[in-house]
Amino acid sequence: MIEKESYKLSIQGLSPLYIGSGDTYSQLDYISTEGKIHILDFNKILSSIPEEVIDDLKQTTLNKHTIRLLEKKHLKPHKEA
């Protein structure tokens, strides 16, 4: 039978070290500034935005998408006066 040996070590990192949970992140999930990584909590961000602002964003996105579709078909969207 092979005997187990234990060693007590002290190591010094030569660069920043992050020991995480094993989760993987896309480039949209974090921001890197001044040598630091900030993980974004989208649920927290979205819950802090007022409902009417979200509705406005949805409408703006829908309008832009509709305009692009019309332009693709060489149609001019009607502009309100």
C-alpha atoms as a PDB file:
ATOM      1  CA  MET A   1       0.000   0.000   0.000  1.00  0.00           C
ATOM      2  CA  ILE A   2       1.244   3.480  -0.924  1.00  0.00           C
ATOM      3  CA  GLU A   3       1.651   5.915   1.958  1.00  0.00           C
ATOM      4  CA  LYS A   4       0.177   9.402   1.638  1.00  0.00           C
ATOM      5  CA  GLU A   5       2.416  12.349   2.308  1.00  0.00           C
ATOM      6  CA  SER A   6       1.180  15.825   3.210  1.00  0.00           C
ATOM      7  CA  TYR A   7       3.007  19.061   2.652  1.00  0.00           C
ATOM      8  CA  LYS A   8       2.237  22.534   3.890  1.00  0.00           C
ATOM      9  CA  LEU A   9       2.941  25.052   1.129  1.00  0.00           C
ATOM     10  CA  SER A  10       2.854  28.786   0.810  1.00  0.00           C
ATOM     11  CA  ILE A  11       2.418  30.100  -2.730  1.00  0.00           C
ATOM     12  CA  GLN A  12       2.481  33.615  -4.075  1.00  0.00           C
ATOM     13  CA  GLY A  13       0.508  34.467  -7.217  1.00  0.00           C
ATOM     14  CA  LEU A  14       2.400  36.350  -9.907  1.00  0.00           C
ATOM     15  CA  SER A  15      -0.778  37.807 -11.377  1.00  0.00           C
ATOM     16  CA  PRO A  16      -4.313  38.514 -10.156  1.00  0.00           C
ATOM     17  CA  LEU A  17      -6.145  35.327  -9.237  1.00  0.00           C
ATOM     18  CA  TYR A  18      -9.879  34.691  -9.168  1.00  0.00           C
ATOM     19  CA  ILE A  19     -11.242  31.523  -7.651  1.00  0.00           C
ATOM     20  CA  GLY A  20     -14.855  31.310  -8.684  1.00  0.00           C
ATOM     21  CA  SER A  21     -17.814  28.985  -8.684  1.00  0.00           C
ATOM     22  CA  GLY A  22     -17.094  27.386 -12.043  1.00  0.00           C
ATOM     23  CA  ASP A  23     -19.813  29.416 -13.774  1.00  0.00           C
ATOM     24  CA  THR A  24     -18.951  30.654 -17.245  1.00  0.00           C
ATOM     25  CA  TYR A  25     -19.663  34.203 -18.368  1.00  0.00           C
ATOM     26  CA  SER A  26     -20.059  35.839 -21.761  1.00  0.00           C
ATOM     27  CA  GLN A  27     -18.639  39.271 -22.550  1.00  0.00           C
ATOM     28  CA  LEU A  28     -22.066  40.740 -21.772  1.00  0.00           C
ATOM     29  CA  ASP A  29     -22.030  39.412 -18.200  1.00  0.00           C
ATOM     30  CA  TYR A  30     -19.144  41.476 -16.848  1.00  0.00           C
ATOM     31  CA  ILE A  31     -17.261  44.751 -17.139  1.00  0.00           C
ATOM     32  CA  SER A  32     -13.501  45.072 -16.780  1.00  0.00           C
ATOM     33  CA  THR A  33     -12.235  48.441 -15.535  1.00  0.00           C
ATOM     34  CA  GLU A  34      -8.951  49.495 -13.978  1.00  0.00           C
ATOM     35  CA  GLY A  35      -7.762  45.899 -13.690  1.00  0.00           C
ATOM     36  CA  LYS A  36     -10.907  44.739 -11.885  1.00  0.00           C
ATOM     37  CA  ILE A  37     -13.722  42.486 -13.100  1.00  0.00           C
ATOM     38  CA  HIS A  38     -17.295  43.429 -12.140  1.00  0.00           C
ATOM     39  CA  ILE A  39     -19.945  40.717 -12.614  1.00  0.00           C
ATOM     40  CA  LEU A  40     -23.306  42.247 -13.590  1.00  0.00           C
ATOM     41  CA  ASP A  41     -26.511  41.152 -11.869  1.00  0.00           C
ATOM     42  CA  PHE A  42     -29.076  41.708 -14.634  1.00  0.00           C
ATOM     43  CA  ASN A  43     -32.032  40.809 -12.403  1.00  0.00           C
ATOM     44  CA  LYS A  44     -31.004  43.542  -9.972  1.00  0.00           C
ATOM     45  CA  ILE A  45     -30.372  46.019 -12.801  1.00  0.00           C
ATOM     46  CA  LEU A  46     -33.732  45.336 -14.476  1.00  0.00           C
ATOM     47  CA  SER A  47     -35.649  45.455 -11.197  1.00  0.00           C
ATOM     48  CA  SER A  48     -34.282  48.957 -10.544  1.00  0.00           C
ATOM     49  CA  ILE A  49     -35.599  50.322 -13.880  1.00  0.00           C
ATOM     50  CA  PRO A  50     -39.103  51.824 -13.662  1.00  0.00           C
ATOM     51  CA  GLU A  51     -41.792  49.943 -15.633  1.00  0.00           C
ATOM     52  CA  GLU A  52     -42.574  52.949 -17.875  1.00  0.00           C
ATOM     53  CA  VAL A  53     -38.915  53.187 -18.936  1.00  0.00           C
ATOM     54  CA  ILE A  54     -38.922  49.494 -19.885  1.00  0.00           C
ATOM     55  CA  ASP A  55     -42.147  50.037 -21.870  1.00  0.00           C
ATOM     56  CA  ASP A  56     -40.536  52.993 -23.699  1.00  0.00           C
ATOM     57  CA  LEU A  57     -37.459  50.884 -24.504  1.00  0.00           C
ATOM     58  CA  LYS A  58     -39.650  48.073 -25.846  1.00  0.00           C
ATOM     59  CA  GLN A  59     -41.601  50.510 -28.032  1.00  0.00           C
ATOM     60  CA  THR A  60     -38.429  52.190 -29.333  1.00  0.00           C
ATOM     61  CA  THR A  61     -36.885  48.813 -30.170  1.00  0.00           C
ATOM     62  CA  LEU A  62     -40.084  47.706 -31.909  1.00  0.00           C
ATOM     63  CA  ASN A  63     -40.221  50.970 -33.897  1.00  0.00           C
ATOM     64  CA  LYS A  64     -36.577  50.657 -35.002  1.00  0.00           C
ATOM     65  CA  HIS A  65     -37.148  47.029 -36.024  1.00  0.00           C
ATOM     66  CA  THR A  66     -40.270  47.987 -38.006  1.00  0.00           C
ATOM     67  CA  ILE A  67     -38.442  50.853 -39.751  1.00  0.00           C
ATOM     68  CA  ARG A  68     -35.586  48.514 -40.737  1.00  0.00           C
ATOM     69  CA  LEU A  69     -38.075  46.017 -42.188  1.00  0.00           C
ATOM     70  CA  LEU A  70     -39.799  48.768 -44.186  1.00  0.00           C
ATOM     71  CA  GLU A  71     -36.463  50.066 -45.484  1.00  0.00           C
ATOM     72  CA  LYS A  72     -35.479  46.536 -46.539  1.00  0.00           C
ATOM     73  CA  LYS A  73     -38.613  46.414 -48.668  1.00  0.00           C
ATOM     74  CA  HIS A  74     -37.752  49.892 -50.030  1.00  0.00           C
ATOM     75  CA  LEU A  75     -40.742  51.493 -48.316  1.00  0.00           C
ATOM     76  CA  LYS A  76     -40.572  54.819 -46.518  1.00  0.00           C
ATOM     77  CA  PRO A  77     -42.052  54.922 -43.025  1.00  0.00           C
ATOM     78  CA  HIS A  78     -44.679  57.634 -42.467  1.00  0.00           C
ATOM     79  CA  LYS A  79     -43.296  60.408 -40.267  1.00  0.00           C
ATOM     80  CA  GLU A  80     -45.692  62.152 -37.906  1.00  0.00           C
ATOM     81  CA  ALA A  81     -45.830  65.944 -38.118  1.00  0.00           C
END
